[in-house]
Amino acid sequence: MATVDLNSEDFVSTIKENDLVLVDFWADWCGPCKRFSPIYSKVSESHDDVVFGKVDTEANQELSGSLGIMSIPTVMAFHKGNMVFNQAGLLNASQLENLIEQLKGLPEETPAS
């Protein structure tokens, strides 16, 4: 599945309406973000059952701030609408694939906190 651009208007509905959503928070001026982007895009092609979203932190400062984004790139994962992963820093393809496999192994019903 190709990556999709998310913003303040569609972020919440995307994470609530899909079982598994990964989100890459990035900015155009960020060197590590530019290195991560092709990795993220390539991995997205192998997982049609996962939504791969991208949030431009410059264009969506309020959304990024509300989620506590302090460093980019940051990858967040949402399972059934709940955040289950949040990590700043560059991931390589192997790490991203490993994360996705772990996320796919989560129980269907995530217990409420």
N, C-alpha and C. Protein backbone atom coordinates (compact mmCIF):
# COMPACT_ATOMS: atom_id res chain seq x y z
N MET A 1 0.86 -1.17 0.00
CA MET A 1 0.00 0.00 0.00
C MET A 1 0.90 1.24 0.00
N ALA A 2 0.55 2.21 -0.78
CA ALA A 2 1.31 3.45 -0.82
C ALA A 2 1.08 4.22 0.48
N THR A 3 1.99 5.12 0.78
CA THR A 3 1.82 5.96 1.96
C THR A 3 0.74 7.00 1.69
N VAL A 4 0.10 7.45 2.77
CA VAL A 4 -0.93 8.48 2.65
C VAL A 4 -0.57 9.65 3.54
N ASP A 5 -0.78 10.84 3.03
CA ASP A 5 -0.53 12.04 3.82
C ASP A 5 -1.70 12.25 4.77
N LEU A 6 -1.39 12.47 6.03
CA LEU A 6 -2.40 12.72 7.04
C LEU A 6 -2.25 14.14 7.57
N ASN A 7 -3.37 14.70 8.03
CA ASN A 7 -3.34 16.03 8.63
C ASN A 7 -4.30 16.05 9.81
N SER A 8 -4.47 17.21 10.39
CA SER A 8 -5.34 17.34 11.58
C SER A 8 -6.77 16.90 11.32
N GLU A 9 -7.24 17.08 10.09
CA GLU A 9 -8.62 16.75 9.77
C GLU A 9 -8.88 15.25 9.67
N ASP A 10 -7.91 14.48 9.19
CA ASP A 10 -8.17 13.05 8.95
C ASP A 10 -7.35 12.10 9.83
N PHE A 11 -6.53 12.63 10.70
CA PHE A 11 -5.67 11.78 11.53
C PHE A 11 -6.49 10.85 12.43
N VAL A 12 -7.39 11.41 13.21
CA VAL A 12 -8.16 10.61 14.19
C VAL A 12 -9.02 9.58 13.48
N SER A 13 -9.71 9.97 12.43
CA SER A 13 -10.57 9.01 11.72
C SER A 13 -9.74 7.88 11.11
N THR A 14 -8.56 8.19 10.63
CA THR A 14 -7.70 7.16 10.03
C THR A 14 -7.29 6.13 11.07
N ILE A 15 -6.86 6.58 12.25
CA ILE A 15 -6.40 5.61 13.24
C ILE A 15 -7.56 4.83 13.86
N LYS A 16 -8.75 5.43 13.89
CA LYS A 16 -9.90 4.73 14.48
C LYS A 16 -10.57 3.78 13.50
N GLU A 17 -10.50 4.07 12.20
CA GLU A 17 -11.22 3.28 11.20
C GLU A 17 -10.37 2.16 10.59
N ASN A 18 -9.13 2.03 11.01
CA ASN A 18 -8.24 1.00 10.48
C ASN A 18 -7.63 0.21 11.63
N ASP A 19 -7.45 -1.08 11.43
CA ASP A 19 -6.92 -1.94 12.49
C ASP A 19 -5.48 -1.59 12.86
N LEU A 20 -4.65 -1.36 11.86
CA LEU A 20 -3.23 -1.12 12.11
C LEU A 20 -2.75 0.05 11.26
N VAL A 21 -2.26 1.09 11.94
CA VAL A 21 -1.80 2.30 11.26
C VAL A 21 -0.41 2.66 11.79
N LEU A 22 0.53 2.83 10.88
CA LEU A 22 1.85 3.37 11.21
C LEU A 22 1.86 4.82 10.74
N VAL A 23 2.48 5.70 11.51
CA VAL A 23 2.56 7.10 11.13
C VAL A 23 4.00 7.58 11.27
N ASP A 24 4.50 8.15 10.18
CA ASP A 24 5.83 8.76 10.14
C ASP A 24 5.67 10.27 10.27
N PHE A 25 6.20 10.84 11.33
CA PHE A 25 6.20 12.29 11.52
C PHE A 25 7.54 12.81 11.00
N TRP A 26 7.49 13.76 10.08
CA TRP A 26 8.68 14.20 9.36
C TRP A 26 8.59 15.70 9.05
N ALA A 27 9.69 16.23 8.52
CA ALA A 27 9.72 17.60 8.00
C ALA A 27 10.70 17.64 6.83
N ASP A 28 10.46 18.55 5.92
CA ASP A 28 11.27 18.64 4.71
C ASP A 28 12.74 19.00 5.01
N TRP A 29 12.99 19.73 6.07
CA TRP A 29 14.34 20.17 6.40
C TRP A 29 15.14 19.10 7.16
N CYS A 30 14.53 18.00 7.50
CA CYS A 30 15.13 16.96 8.36
C CYS A 30 15.89 15.92 7.53
N GLY A 31 17.20 15.90 7.67
CA GLY A 31 18.03 14.94 6.93
C GLY A 31 17.69 13.49 7.22
N PRO A 32 17.61 13.08 8.50
CA PRO A 32 17.24 11.69 8.80
C PRO A 32 15.85 11.33 8.25
N CYS A 33 14.93 12.30 8.22
CA CYS A 33 13.59 12.05 7.66
C CYS A 33 13.70 11.71 6.18
N LYS A 34 14.57 12.44 5.48
CA LYS A 34 14.75 12.20 4.05
C LYS A 34 15.37 10.82 3.79
N ARG A 35 16.21 10.35 4.71
CA ARG A 35 16.79 9.01 4.56
C ARG A 35 15.77 7.93 4.90
N PHE A 36 14.87 8.21 5.84
CA PHE A 36 13.87 7.23 6.26
C PHE A 36 12.73 7.11 5.26
N SER A 37 12.38 8.18 4.59
CA SER A 37 11.22 8.19 3.70
C SER A 37 11.22 7.07 2.65
N PRO A 38 12.32 6.83 1.92
CA PRO A 38 12.28 5.74 0.93
C PRO A 38 12.17 4.36 1.58
N ILE A 39 12.72 4.20 2.77
CA ILE A 39 12.61 2.93 3.50
C ILE A 39 11.14 2.70 3.85
N TYR A 40 10.51 3.71 4.40
CA TYR A 40 9.10 3.64 4.80
C TYR A 40 8.21 3.33 3.60
N SER A 41 8.46 4.02 2.49
CA SER A 41 7.67 3.81 1.28
C SER A 41 7.85 2.40 0.74
N LYS A 42 9.08 1.91 0.71
CA LYS A 42 9.37 0.57 0.19
C LYS A 42 8.68 -0.50 1.04
N VAL A 43 8.80 -0.40 2.35
CA VAL A 43 8.19 -1.37 3.26
C VAL A 43 6.66 -1.33 3.12
N SER A 44 6.10 -0.15 2.90
CA SER A 44 4.64 -0.03 2.77
C SER A 44 4.10 -0.86 1.60
N GLU A 45 4.90 -1.05 0.57
CA GLU A 45 4.47 -1.81 -0.60
C GLU A 45 4.23 -3.28 -0.29
N SER A 46 4.80 -3.79 0.79
CA SER A 46 4.68 -5.21 1.14
C SER A 46 3.57 -5.50 2.14
N HIS A 47 2.84 -4.48 2.58
CA HIS A 47 1.85 -4.68 3.65
C HIS A 47 0.55 -3.97 3.30
N ASP A 48 -0.26 -4.61 2.47
CA ASP A 48 -1.54 -4.02 2.07
C ASP A 48 -2.53 -3.93 3.22
N ASP A 49 -2.28 -4.67 4.30
CA ASP A 49 -3.20 -4.68 5.43
C ASP A 49 -2.86 -3.63 6.50
N VAL A 50 -1.87 -2.78 6.21
CA VAL A 50 -1.44 -1.75 7.15
C VAL A 50 -1.53 -0.39 6.44
N VAL A 51 -2.06 0.61 7.15
CA VAL A 51 -2.06 1.97 6.62
C VAL A 51 -0.74 2.62 7.03
N PHE A 52 -0.03 3.17 6.06
CA PHE A 52 1.23 3.87 6.30
C PHE A 52 0.99 5.36 6.08
N GLY A 53 0.79 6.08 7.18
CA GLY A 53 0.54 7.51 7.10
C GLY A 53 1.80 8.32 7.28
N LYS A 54 1.77 9.55 6.76
CA LYS A 54 2.87 10.49 6.93
C LYS A 54 2.28 11.83 7.36
N VAL A 55 2.88 12.42 8.40
CA VAL A 55 2.44 13.72 8.88
C VAL A 55 3.61 14.69 8.77
N ASP A 56 3.44 15.73 7.98
CA ASP A 56 4.42 16.81 7.86
C ASP A 56 4.28 17.67 9.12
N THR A 57 5.28 17.63 9.98
CA THR A 57 5.19 18.33 11.26
C THR A 57 5.16 19.85 11.10
N GLU A 58 5.74 20.36 10.03
CA GLU A 58 5.71 21.80 9.78
C GLU A 58 4.30 22.26 9.41
N ALA A 59 3.63 21.51 8.57
CA ALA A 59 2.28 21.87 8.13
C ALA A 59 1.22 21.52 9.17
N ASN A 60 1.57 20.66 10.11
CA ASN A 60 0.61 20.18 11.12
C ASN A 60 1.19 20.34 12.52
N GLN A 61 1.60 21.55 12.85
CA GLN A 61 2.26 21.80 14.13
C GLN A 61 1.36 21.54 15.33
N GLU A 62 0.09 21.88 15.22
CA GLU A 62 -0.82 21.66 16.34
C GLU A 62 -1.01 20.16 16.61
N LEU A 63 -1.20 19.38 15.55
CA LEU A 63 -1.34 17.93 15.69
C LEU A 63 -0.07 17.33 16.28
N SER A 64 1.07 17.71 15.73
CA SER A 64 2.35 17.18 16.21
C SER A 64 2.57 17.54 17.68
N GLY A 65 2.24 18.76 18.05
CA GLY A 65 2.38 19.19 19.44
C GLY A 65 1.46 18.43 20.37
N SER A 66 0.23 18.18 19.92
CA SER A 66 -0.73 17.47 20.77
C SER A 66 -0.31 16.03 21.02
N LEU A 67 0.49 15.48 20.11
CA LEU A 67 0.98 14.10 20.26
C LEU A 67 2.36 14.05 20.92
N GLY A 68 2.89 15.20 21.29
CA GLY A 68 4.16 15.25 22.00
C GLY A 68 5.38 14.97 21.13
N ILE A 69 5.29 15.27 19.84
CA ILE A 69 6.43 15.05 18.95
C ILE A 69 7.51 16.07 19.30
N MET A 70 8.66 15.57 19.75
CA MET A 70 9.76 16.44 20.14
C MET A 70 10.96 16.29 19.22
N SER A 71 11.02 15.18 18.50
CA SER A 71 12.15 14.87 17.64
C SER A 71 11.62 14.11 16.43
N ILE A 72 12.25 14.35 15.28
CA ILE A 72 11.82 13.65 14.06
C ILE A 72 13.02 13.04 13.37
N PRO A 73 12.83 11.97 12.63
CA PRO A 73 11.56 11.31 12.43
C PRO A 73 11.08 10.59 13.69
N THR A 74 9.79 10.53 13.84
CA THR A 74 9.16 9.73 14.89
C THR A 74 8.16 8.81 14.21
N VAL A 75 8.16 7.55 14.62
CA VAL A 75 7.19 6.59 14.12
C VAL A 75 6.27 6.22 15.28
N MET A 76 4.97 6.32 15.00
CA MET A 76 3.96 5.86 15.95
C MET A 76 3.16 4.76 15.28
N ALA A 77 2.70 3.82 16.09
CA ALA A 77 1.84 2.76 15.58
C ALA A 77 0.57 2.74 16.41
N PHE A 78 -0.55 2.54 15.72
CA PHE A 78 -1.87 2.48 16.36
C PHE A 78 -2.52 1.17 15.98
N HIS A 79 -2.99 0.45 17.00
CA HIS A 79 -3.69 -0.81 16.81
C HIS A 79 -5.10 -0.62 17.35
N LYS A 80 -6.10 -0.75 16.46
CA LYS A 80 -7.50 -0.59 16.85
C LYS A 80 -7.73 0.76 17.55
N GLY A 81 -7.05 1.81 17.06
CA GLY A 81 -7.23 3.15 17.60
C GLY A 81 -6.38 3.51 18.79
N ASN A 82 -5.63 2.54 19.33
CA ASN A 82 -4.78 2.79 20.49
C ASN A 82 -3.32 2.87 20.09
N MET A 83 -2.60 3.89 20.63
CA MET A 83 -1.18 3.97 20.36
C MET A 83 -0.47 2.82 21.08
N VAL A 84 0.29 2.03 20.33
CA VAL A 84 1.00 0.89 20.90
C VAL A 84 2.50 0.98 20.69
N PHE A 85 2.96 2.00 19.95
CA PHE A 85 4.38 2.18 19.70
C PHE A 85 4.64 3.65 19.40
N ASN A 86 5.75 4.16 19.96
CA ASN A 86 6.14 5.56 19.74
C ASN A 86 7.64 5.64 19.91
N GLN A 87 8.35 5.90 18.80
CA GLN A 87 9.81 5.97 18.88
C GLN A 87 10.35 7.03 17.93
N ALA A 88 11.18 7.90 18.48
CA ALA A 88 11.88 8.88 17.65
C ALA A 88 13.17 8.24 17.15
N GLY A 89 13.58 8.64 15.97
CA GLY A 89 14.83 8.15 15.41
C GLY A 89 14.62 7.32 14.17
N LEU A 90 15.69 7.16 13.46
CA LEU A 90 15.68 6.47 12.18
C LEU A 90 15.62 4.96 12.38
N LEU A 91 14.70 4.30 11.68
CA LEU A 91 14.63 2.84 11.66
C LEU A 91 15.13 2.35 10.31
N ASN A 92 15.84 1.22 10.29
CA ASN A 92 16.20 0.64 9.00
C ASN A 92 15.07 -0.30 8.57
N ALA A 93 15.14 -0.82 7.35
CA ALA A 93 14.07 -1.65 6.81
C ALA A 93 13.82 -2.89 7.67
N SER A 94 14.87 -3.51 8.15
CA SER A 94 14.74 -4.70 8.98
C SER A 94 14.01 -4.38 10.29
N GLN A 95 14.37 -3.28 10.91
CA GLN A 95 13.72 -2.89 12.16
C GLN A 95 12.24 -2.57 11.93
N LEU A 96 11.95 -1.91 10.82
CA LEU A 96 10.56 -1.58 10.50
C LEU A 96 9.75 -2.83 10.21
N GLU A 97 10.31 -3.76 9.46
CA GLU A 97 9.63 -5.04 9.18
C GLU A 97 9.38 -5.80 10.48
N ASN A 98 10.37 -5.84 11.37
CA ASN A 98 10.24 -6.52 12.65
C ASN A 98 9.12 -5.88 13.49
N LEU A 99 9.07 -4.56 13.50
CA LEU A 99 8.02 -3.85 14.22
C LEU A 99 6.64 -4.25 13.68
N ILE A 100 6.50 -4.26 12.36
CA ILE A 100 5.21 -4.59 11.75
C ILE A 100 4.79 -6.01 12.10
N GLU A 101 5.71 -6.95 12.07
CA GLU A 101 5.38 -8.33 12.43
C GLU A 101 4.93 -8.42 13.89
N GLN A 102 5.59 -7.69 14.77
CA GLN A 102 5.18 -7.67 16.18
C GLN A 102 3.77 -7.08 16.32
N LEU A 103 3.52 -6.00 15.59
CA LEU A 103 2.20 -5.35 15.66
C LEU A 103 1.11 -6.27 15.13
N LYS A 104 1.42 -7.01 14.08
CA LYS A 104 0.42 -7.93 13.51
C LYS A 104 0.13 -9.08 14.48
N GLY A 105 1.04 -9.33 15.41
CA GLY A 105 0.85 -10.39 16.38
C GLY A 105 0.09 -9.96 17.63
N LEU A 106 -0.30 -8.69 17.70
CA LEU A 106 -1.05 -8.21 18.86
C LEU A 106 -2.41 -8.88 18.90
N PRO A 107 -2.96 -9.10 20.11
CA PRO A 107 -4.28 -9.70 20.22
C PRO A 107 -5.33 -8.81 19.55
N GLU A 108 -6.36 -9.43 19.05
CA GLU A 108 -7.43 -8.68 18.36
C GLU A 108 -8.04 -7.62 19.28
N GLU A 109 -8.25 -7.97 20.51
CA GLU A 109 -8.81 -7.00 21.47
C GLU A 109 -7.69 -6.52 22.37
N THR A 110 -7.36 -5.26 22.26
CA THR A 110 -6.36 -4.66 23.13
C THR A 110 -7.07 -4.22 24.41
N PRO A 111 -6.62 -4.71 25.58
CA PRO A 111 -7.31 -4.35 26.83
C PRO A 111 -7.26 -2.85 27.06
N ALA A 112 -8.33 -2.32 27.63
CA ALA A 112 -8.37 -0.90 27.97
C ALA A 112 -7.42 -0.63 29.11
N SER A 113 -6.80 0.52 29.08
CA SER A 113 -5.86 0.90 30.15
C SER A 113 -6.59 1.50 31.31
